[in-house]
All heavy atoms as atom14 arrays in JSON, in Angstrom:
{
  "sequence": "LGAIAVFPGARKPQEDGTFLQDCFVLPDGSTAEDF",
  "atom14_mask": [
    [1, 1, 1, 1, 1, 1, 1, 1, 0, 0, 0, 0, 0, 0],
    [1, 1, 1, 1, 0, 0, 0, 0, 0, 0, 0, 0, 0, 0],
    [1, 1, 1, 1, 1, 0, 0, 0, 0, 0, 0, 0, 0, 0],
    [1, 1, 1, 1, 1, 1, 1, 1, 0, 0, 0, 0, 0, 0],
    [1, 1, 1, 1, 1, 0, 0, 0, 0, 0, 0, 0, 0, 0],
    [1, 1, 1, 1, 1, 1, 1, 0, 0, 0, 0, 0, 0, 0],
    [1, 1, 1, 1, 1, 1, 1, 1, 1, 1, 1, 0, 0, 0],
    [1, 1, 1, 1, 1, 1, 1, 0, 0, 0, 0, 0, 0, 0],
    [1, 1, 1, 1, 0, 0, 0, 0, 0, 0, 0, 0, 0, 0],
    [1, 1, 1, 1, 1, 0, 0, 0, 0, 0, 0, 0, 0, 0],
    [1, 1, 1, 1, 1, 1, 1, 1, 1, 1, 1, 0, 0, 0],
    [1, 1, 1, 1, 1, 1, 1, 1, 1, 0, 0, 0, 0, 0],
    [1, 1, 1, 1, 1, 1, 1, 0, 0, 0, 0, 0, 0, 0],
    [1, 1, 1, 1, 1, 1, 1, 1, 1, 0, 0, 0, 0, 0],
    [1, 1, 1, 1, 1, 1, 1, 1, 1, 0, 0, 0, 0, 0],
    [1, 1, 1, 1, 1, 1, 1, 1, 0, 0, 0, 0, 0, 0],
    [1, 1, 1, 1, 0, 0, 0, 0, 0, 0, 0, 0, 0, 0],
    [1, 1, 1, 1, 1, 1, 1, 0, 0, 0, 0, 0, 0, 0],
    [1, 1, 1, 1, 1, 1, 1, 1, 1, 1, 1, 0, 0, 0],
    [1, 1, 1, 1, 1, 1, 1, 1, 0, 0, 0, 0, 0, 0],
    [1, 1, 1, 1, 1, 1, 1, 1, 1, 0, 0, 0, 0, 0],
    [1, 1, 1, 1, 1, 1, 1, 1, 0, 0, 0, 0, 0, 0],
    [1, 1, 1, 1, 1, 1, 0, 0, 0, 0, 0, 0, 0, 0],
    [1, 1, 1, 1, 1, 1, 1, 1, 1, 1, 1, 0, 0, 0],
    [1, 1, 1, 1, 1, 1, 1, 0, 0, 0, 0, 0, 0, 0],
    [1, 1, 1, 1, 1, 1, 1, 1, 0, 0, 0, 0, 0, 0],
    [1, 1, 1, 1, 1, 1, 1, 0, 0, 0, 0, 0, 0, 0],
    [1, 1, 1, 1, 1, 1, 1, 1, 0, 0, 0, 0, 0, 0],
    [1, 1, 1, 1, 0, 0, 0, 0, 0, 0, 0, 0, 0, 0],
    [1, 1, 1, 1, 1, 1, 0, 0, 0, 0, 0, 0, 0, 0],
    [1, 1, 1, 1, 1, 1, 1, 0, 0, 0, 0, 0, 0, 0],
    [1, 1, 1, 1, 1, 0, 0, 0, 0, 0, 0, 0, 0, 0],
    [1, 1, 1, 1, 1, 1, 1, 1, 1, 0, 0, 0, 0, 0],
    [1, 1, 1, 1, 1, 1, 1, 1, 0, 0, 0, 0, 0, 0],
    [1, 1, 1, 1, 1, 1, 1, 1, 1, 1, 1, 0, 0, 0]
  ],
  "atom14_positions": [
    [[117.96, 177.89, 133.08], [117.24, 179.01, 133.65], [117.78, 179.31, 135.04], [117.69, 180.41, 135.54], [115.74, 178.81, 133.63], [114.86, 180.03, 133.91], [115.12, 181.16, 132.88], [113.39, 179.6, 133.95], [0.0, 0.0, 0.0], [0.0, 0.0, 0.0], [0.0, 0.0, 0.0], [0.0, 0.0, 0.0], [0.0, 0.0, 0.0], [0.0, 0.0, 0.0]],
    [[118.27, 178.32, 135.7], [118.77, 178.45, 137.03], [117.64, 178.52, 138.12], [117.91, 179.11, 139.2], [0.0, 0.0, 0.0], [0.0, 0.0, 0.0], [0.0, 0.0, 0.0], [0.0, 0.0, 0.0], [0.0, 0.0, 0.0], [0.0, 0.0, 0.0], [0.0, 0.0, 0.0], [0.0, 0.0, 0.0], [0.0, 0.0, 0.0], [0.0, 0.0, 0.0]],
    [[116.48, 177.94, 137.86], [115.41, 178.01, 138.91], [115.66, 177.04, 140.02], [116.53, 176.11, 139.95], [114.04, 177.7, 138.15], [0.0, 0.0, 0.0], [0.0, 0.0, 0.0], [0.0, 0.0, 0.0], [0.0, 0.0, 0.0], [0.0, 0.0, 0.0], [0.0, 0.0, 0.0], [0.0, 0.0, 0.0], [0.0, 0.0, 0.0], [0.0, 0.0, 0.0]],
    [[114.98, 177.22, 141.11], [115.0, 176.32, 142.27], [113.55, 175.95, 142.71], [112.58, 176.66, 142.41], [115.75, 176.95, 143.48], [114.99, 178.2, 143.93], [117.17, 177.28, 143.09], [115.55, 178.86, 145.18], [0.0, 0.0, 0.0], [0.0, 0.0, 0.0], [0.0, 0.0, 0.0], [0.0, 0.0, 0.0], [0.0, 0.0, 0.0], [0.0, 0.0, 0.0]],
    [[113.46, 174.78, 143.32], [112.21, 174.35, 143.9], [112.21, 174.43, 145.39], [113.2, 174.13, 146.07], [111.89, 172.85, 143.51], [0.0, 0.0, 0.0], [0.0, 0.0, 0.0], [0.0, 0.0, 0.0], [0.0, 0.0, 0.0], [0.0, 0.0, 0.0], [0.0, 0.0, 0.0], [0.0, 0.0, 0.0], [0.0, 0.0, 0.0], [0.0, 0.0, 0.0]],
    [[111.14, 175.01, 145.96], [111.02, 175.22, 147.39], [109.72, 174.72, 147.9], [108.61, 174.95, 147.28], [111.14, 176.82, 147.66], [111.03, 176.98, 149.21], [112.5, 177.36, 147.14], [0.0, 0.0, 0.0], [0.0, 0.0, 0.0], [0.0, 0.0, 0.0], [0.0, 0.0, 0.0], [0.0, 0.0, 0.0], [0.0, 0.0, 0.0], [0.0, 0.0, 0.0]],
    [[109.77, 174.06, 149.09], [108.54, 173.51, 149.75], [108.16, 174.38, 150.86], [108.94, 174.73, 151.77], [108.84, 172.13, 150.35], [109.21, 171.09, 149.38], [110.54, 170.86, 148.95], [108.24, 170.19, 148.93], [110.85, 169.82, 148.07], [108.6, 169.13, 148.06], [109.93, 169.02, 147.63], [0.0, 0.0, 0.0], [0.0, 0.0, 0.0], [0.0, 0.0, 0.0]],
    [[106.91, 174.95, 150.88], [106.44, 175.58, 152.09], [105.94, 174.41, 153.04], [105.14, 173.56, 152.58], [105.28, 176.48, 151.59], [104.81, 175.77, 150.31], [106.02, 175.0, 149.77], [0.0, 0.0, 0.0], [0.0, 0.0, 0.0], [0.0, 0.0, 0.0], [0.0, 0.0, 0.0], [0.0, 0.0, 0.0], [0.0, 0.0, 0.0], [0.0, 0.0, 0.0]],
    [[106.34, 174.43, 154.3], [105.93, 173.37, 155.18], [106.36, 173.47, 156.56], [106.98, 174.45, 157.0], [0.0, 0.0, 0.0], [0.0, 0.0, 0.0], [0.0, 0.0, 0.0], [0.0, 0.0, 0.0], [0.0, 0.0, 0.0], [0.0, 0.0, 0.0], [0.0, 0.0, 0.0], [0.0, 0.0, 0.0], [0.0, 0.0, 0.0], [0.0, 0.0, 0.0]],
    [[106.03, 172.42, 157.32], [106.42, 172.27, 158.69], [106.93, 170.92, 158.97], [107.05, 170.08, 158.13], [105.15, 172.55, 159.48], [0.0, 0.0, 0.0], [0.0, 0.0, 0.0], [0.0, 0.0, 0.0], [0.0, 0.0, 0.0], [0.0, 0.0, 0.0], [0.0, 0.0, 0.0], [0.0, 0.0, 0.0], [0.0, 0.0, 0.0], [0.0, 0.0, 0.0]],
    [[107.37, 170.7, 160.22], [108.0, 169.4, 160.58], [107.01, 168.22, 160.66], [107.43, 167.07, 160.58], [108.73, 169.57, 161.93], [110.05, 170.26, 161.83], [110.77, 170.21, 163.12], [112.18, 170.7, 162.96], [113.22, 170.02, 162.57], [113.03, 168.67, 162.25], [114.35, 170.52, 162.47], [0.0, 0.0, 0.0], [0.0, 0.0, 0.0], [0.0, 0.0, 0.0]],
    [[105.77, 168.53, 160.93], [104.83, 167.44, 161.02], [103.53, 167.78, 160.28], [103.21, 168.98, 159.98], [104.45, 167.12, 162.47], [103.93, 168.35, 163.24], [103.77, 167.97, 164.74], [103.24, 169.14, 165.55], [102.98, 168.81, 166.95], [0.0, 0.0, 0.0], [0.0, 0.0, 0.0], [0.0, 0.0, 0.0], [0.0, 0.0, 0.0], [0.0, 0.0, 0.0]],
    [[102.7, 166.75, 159.98], [101.45, 167.02, 159.25], [100.45, 167.96, 160.02], [100.47, 168.02, 161.29], [100.82, 165.67, 159.09], [102.01, 164.73, 159.17], [102.91, 165.35, 160.2], [0.0, 0.0, 0.0], [0.0, 0.0, 0.0], [0.0, 0.0, 0.0], [0.0, 0.0, 0.0], [0.0, 0.0, 0.0], [0.0, 0.0, 0.0], [0.0, 0.0, 0.0]],
    [[99.57, 168.59, 159.29], [98.5, 169.36, 159.91], [97.46, 168.42, 160.57], [97.62, 167.21, 160.46], [97.79, 170.23, 158.83], [98.64, 171.15, 158.06], [99.18, 172.26, 158.99], [98.5, 172.83, 159.75], [100.5, 172.56, 158.75], [0.0, 0.0, 0.0], [0.0, 0.0, 0.0], [0.0, 0.0, 0.0], [0.0, 0.0, 0.0], [0.0, 0.0, 0.0]],
    [[96.57, 168.98, 161.3], [95.55, 168.08, 162.03], [94.8, 167.24, 161.05], [94.35, 166.21, 161.46], [94.64, 169.03, 162.83], [95.31, 169.71, 164.04], [94.39, 170.48, 164.89], [93.14, 170.52, 164.6], [94.89, 171.16, 165.89], [0.0, 0.0, 0.0], [0.0, 0.0, 0.0], [0.0, 0.0, 0.0], [0.0, 0.0, 0.0], [0.0, 0.0, 0.0]],
    [[94.64, 167.77, 159.83], [93.85, 167.0, 158.84], [94.63, 165.97, 158.1], [94.25, 165.25, 157.18], [93.09, 167.89, 157.83], [94.11, 168.73, 157.03], [95.37, 168.53, 157.24], [93.64, 169.55, 156.19], [0.0, 0.0, 0.0], [0.0, 0.0, 0.0], [0.0, 0.0, 0.0], [0.0, 0.0, 0.0], [0.0, 0.0, 0.0], [0.0, 0.0, 0.0]],
    [[95.96, 165.87, 158.46], [96.89, 164.85, 157.88], [97.67, 165.36, 156.68], [98.45, 164.64, 156.14], [0.0, 0.0, 0.0], [0.0, 0.0, 0.0], [0.0, 0.0, 0.0], [0.0, 0.0, 0.0], [0.0, 0.0, 0.0], [0.0, 0.0, 0.0], [0.0, 0.0, 0.0], [0.0, 0.0, 0.0], [0.0, 0.0, 0.0], [0.0, 0.0, 0.0]],
    [[97.39, 166.56, 156.24], [98.05, 167.09, 155.1], [99.48, 167.41, 155.38], [99.8, 167.91, 156.5], [97.35, 168.29, 154.46], [97.27, 169.37, 155.44], [95.96, 167.93, 154.0], [0.0, 0.0, 0.0], [0.0, 0.0, 0.0], [0.0, 0.0, 0.0], [0.0, 0.0, 0.0], [0.0, 0.0, 0.0], [0.0, 0.0, 0.0], [0.0, 0.0, 0.0]],
    [[100.44, 167.27, 154.44], [101.81, 167.5, 154.67], [102.55, 167.79, 153.34], [102.35, 167.13, 152.39], [102.45, 166.23, 155.36], [103.91, 166.54, 155.78], [104.19, 167.39, 156.77], [104.94, 165.83, 155.16], [105.52, 167.6, 157.16], [106.22, 166.05, 155.51], [106.63, 166.93, 156.52], [0.0, 0.0, 0.0], [0.0, 0.0, 0.0], [0.0, 0.0, 0.0]],
    [[103.35, 168.83, 153.4], [104.05, 169.31, 152.18], [103.18, 169.26, 150.96], [103.48, 168.54, 149.98], [105.29, 168.39, 151.95], [106.41, 168.53, 153.02], [107.67, 167.76, 152.53], [106.8, 170.04, 153.22], [0.0, 0.0, 0.0], [0.0, 0.0, 0.0], [0.0, 0.0, 0.0], [0.0, 0.0, 0.0], [0.0, 0.0, 0.0], [0.0, 0.0, 0.0]],
    [[102.08, 170.02, 150.99], [101.12, 169.96, 149.9], [101.63, 170.63, 148.67], [101.17, 170.37, 147.51], [99.83, 170.68, 150.39], [99.08, 169.95, 151.49], [97.8, 170.72, 151.8], [97.88, 171.65, 152.6], [96.66, 170.34, 151.25], [0.0, 0.0, 0.0], [0.0, 0.0, 0.0], [0.0, 0.0, 0.0], [0.0, 0.0, 0.0], [0.0, 0.0, 0.0]],
    [[102.57, 171.58, 148.82], [103.0, 172.32, 147.64], [104.52, 172.33, 147.44], [105.29, 172.12, 148.46], [102.61, 173.8, 147.78], [101.09, 173.98, 147.79], [100.46, 173.52, 146.82], [100.55, 174.51, 148.74], [0.0, 0.0, 0.0], [0.0, 0.0, 0.0], [0.0, 0.0, 0.0], [0.0, 0.0, 0.0], [0.0, 0.0, 0.0], [0.0, 0.0, 0.0]],
    [[104.91, 172.47, 146.22], [106.32, 172.66, 145.85], [106.33, 173.64, 144.72], [105.65, 173.34, 143.68], [106.91, 171.34, 145.49], [108.7, 171.43, 145.06], [0.0, 0.0, 0.0], [0.0, 0.0, 0.0], [0.0, 0.0, 0.0], [0.0, 0.0, 0.0], [0.0, 0.0, 0.0], [0.0, 0.0, 0.0], [0.0, 0.0, 0.0], [0.0, 0.0, 0.0]],
    [[107.03, 174.75, 144.9], [107.02, 175.81, 143.89], [108.34, 176.05, 143.3], [109.33, 175.84, 143.94], [106.47, 177.09, 144.57], [105.07, 177.05, 145.08], [104.87, 177.16, 146.48], [104.01, 176.92, 144.27], [103.52, 177.08, 147.0], [102.72, 176.92, 144.71], [102.49, 176.98, 146.09], [0.0, 0.0, 0.0], [0.0, 0.0, 0.0], [0.0, 0.0, 0.0]],
    [[108.32, 176.44, 142.08], [109.57, 176.78, 141.3], [109.73, 178.21, 141.23], [108.95, 179.03, 140.83], [109.53, 176.17, 139.88], [110.8, 176.48, 139.13], [109.38, 174.69, 139.9], [0.0, 0.0, 0.0], [0.0, 0.0, 0.0], [0.0, 0.0, 0.0], [0.0, 0.0, 0.0], [0.0, 0.0, 0.0], [0.0, 0.0, 0.0], [0.0, 0.0, 0.0]],
    [[110.93, 178.7, 141.82], [111.27, 180.14, 141.98], [112.56, 180.43, 141.26], [113.35, 179.57, 141.02], [111.39, 180.5, 143.43], [110.09, 180.77, 144.26], [109.35, 179.49, 144.5], [110.51, 181.46, 145.59], [0.0, 0.0, 0.0], [0.0, 0.0, 0.0], [0.0, 0.0, 0.0], [0.0, 0.0, 0.0], [0.0, 0.0, 0.0], [0.0, 0.0, 0.0]],
    [[112.78, 181.72, 140.94], [114.08, 182.19, 140.36], [115.26, 181.89, 141.37], [115.1, 182.06, 142.51], [113.92, 183.62, 140.14], [112.39, 183.92, 140.17], [111.84, 182.88, 141.12], [0.0, 0.0, 0.0], [0.0, 0.0, 0.0], [0.0, 0.0, 0.0], [0.0, 0.0, 0.0], [0.0, 0.0, 0.0], [0.0, 0.0, 0.0], [0.0, 0.0, 0.0]],
    [[116.37, 181.54, 140.79], [117.6, 181.42, 141.63], [117.86, 182.74, 142.3], [117.74, 183.86, 141.69], [118.75, 181.11, 140.75], [119.97, 180.78, 141.57], [119.9, 180.35, 142.73], [121.1, 180.92, 140.99], [0.0, 0.0, 0.0], [0.0, 0.0, 0.0], [0.0, 0.0, 0.0], [0.0, 0.0, 0.0], [0.0, 0.0, 0.0], [0.0, 0.0, 0.0]],
    [[118.29, 182.71, 143.49], [118.59, 183.9, 144.27], [117.39, 184.46, 145.08], [117.5, 185.5, 145.69], [0.0, 0.0, 0.0], [0.0, 0.0, 0.0], [0.0, 0.0, 0.0], [0.0, 0.0, 0.0], [0.0, 0.0, 0.0], [0.0, 0.0, 0.0], [0.0, 0.0, 0.0], [0.0, 0.0, 0.0], [0.0, 0.0, 0.0], [0.0, 0.0, 0.0]],
    [[116.24, 183.77, 144.97], [115.1, 184.17, 145.65], [115.35, 184.12, 147.22], [116.02, 183.2, 147.72], [113.85, 183.22, 145.4], [113.43, 183.4, 144.03], [0.0, 0.0, 0.0], [0.0, 0.0, 0.0], [0.0, 0.0, 0.0], [0.0, 0.0, 0.0], [0.0, 0.0, 0.0], [0.0, 0.0, 0.0], [0.0, 0.0, 0.0], [0.0, 0.0, 0.0]],
    [[114.86, 185.07, 147.91], [115.07, 185.21, 149.31], [113.83, 184.74, 150.1], [112.76, 184.5, 149.44], [115.35, 186.64, 149.77], [114.17, 187.47, 149.51], [116.56, 187.23, 149.08], [0.0, 0.0, 0.0], [0.0, 0.0, 0.0], [0.0, 0.0, 0.0], [0.0, 0.0, 0.0], [0.0, 0.0, 0.0], [0.0, 0.0, 0.0], [0.0, 0.0, 0.0]],
    [[113.95, 184.65, 151.35], [112.81, 184.22, 152.22], [111.64, 185.12, 152.11], [110.48, 184.76, 151.92], [113.24, 184.12, 153.69], [0.0, 0.0, 0.0], [0.0, 0.0, 0.0], [0.0, 0.0, 0.0], [0.0, 0.0, 0.0], [0.0, 0.0, 0.0], [0.0, 0.0, 0.0], [0.0, 0.0, 0.0], [0.0, 0.0, 0.0], [0.0, 0.0, 0.0]],
    [[111.97, 186.48, 152.0], [110.89, 187.49, 151.77], [110.27, 187.35, 150.36], [109.05, 187.54, 150.18], [111.44, 188.86, 152.0], [110.34, 189.95, 152.0], [110.89, 191.3, 152.32], [111.99, 191.67, 151.93], [110.18, 192.11, 152.95], [0.0, 0.0, 0.0], [0.0, 0.0, 0.0], [0.0, 0.0, 0.0], [0.0, 0.0, 0.0], [0.0, 0.0, 0.0]],
    [[111.06, 187.11, 149.41], [110.58, 186.86, 148.01], [109.55, 185.72, 148.07], [108.53, 185.75, 147.38], [111.72, 186.53, 147.06], [112.66, 187.68, 146.74], [112.17, 188.85, 146.89], [113.89, 187.48, 146.46], [0.0, 0.0, 0.0], [0.0, 0.0, 0.0], [0.0, 0.0, 0.0], [0.0, 0.0, 0.0], [0.0, 0.0, 0.0], [0.0, 0.0, 0.0]],
    [[109.93, 184.65, 148.75], [109.07, 183.52, 148.88], [107.71, 183.85, 149.45], [106.65, 183.35, 149.06], [109.81, 182.37, 149.59], [109.09, 181.07, 149.62], [108.41, 180.54, 148.5], [109.03, 180.28, 150.78], [107.75, 179.33, 148.49], [108.31, 179.14, 150.79], [107.71, 178.58, 149.66], [0.0, 0.0, 0.0], [0.0, 0.0, 0.0], [0.0, 0.0, 0.0]]
  ]
}
């Protein structure tokens, strides 16, 4: 299918300690705006 996995995130955990909570599968060729 040619899908890719992308993490929404930051360099360090949030104040509550959460970090890289999500990982989403998107179509190949997805842009930053698509995301």
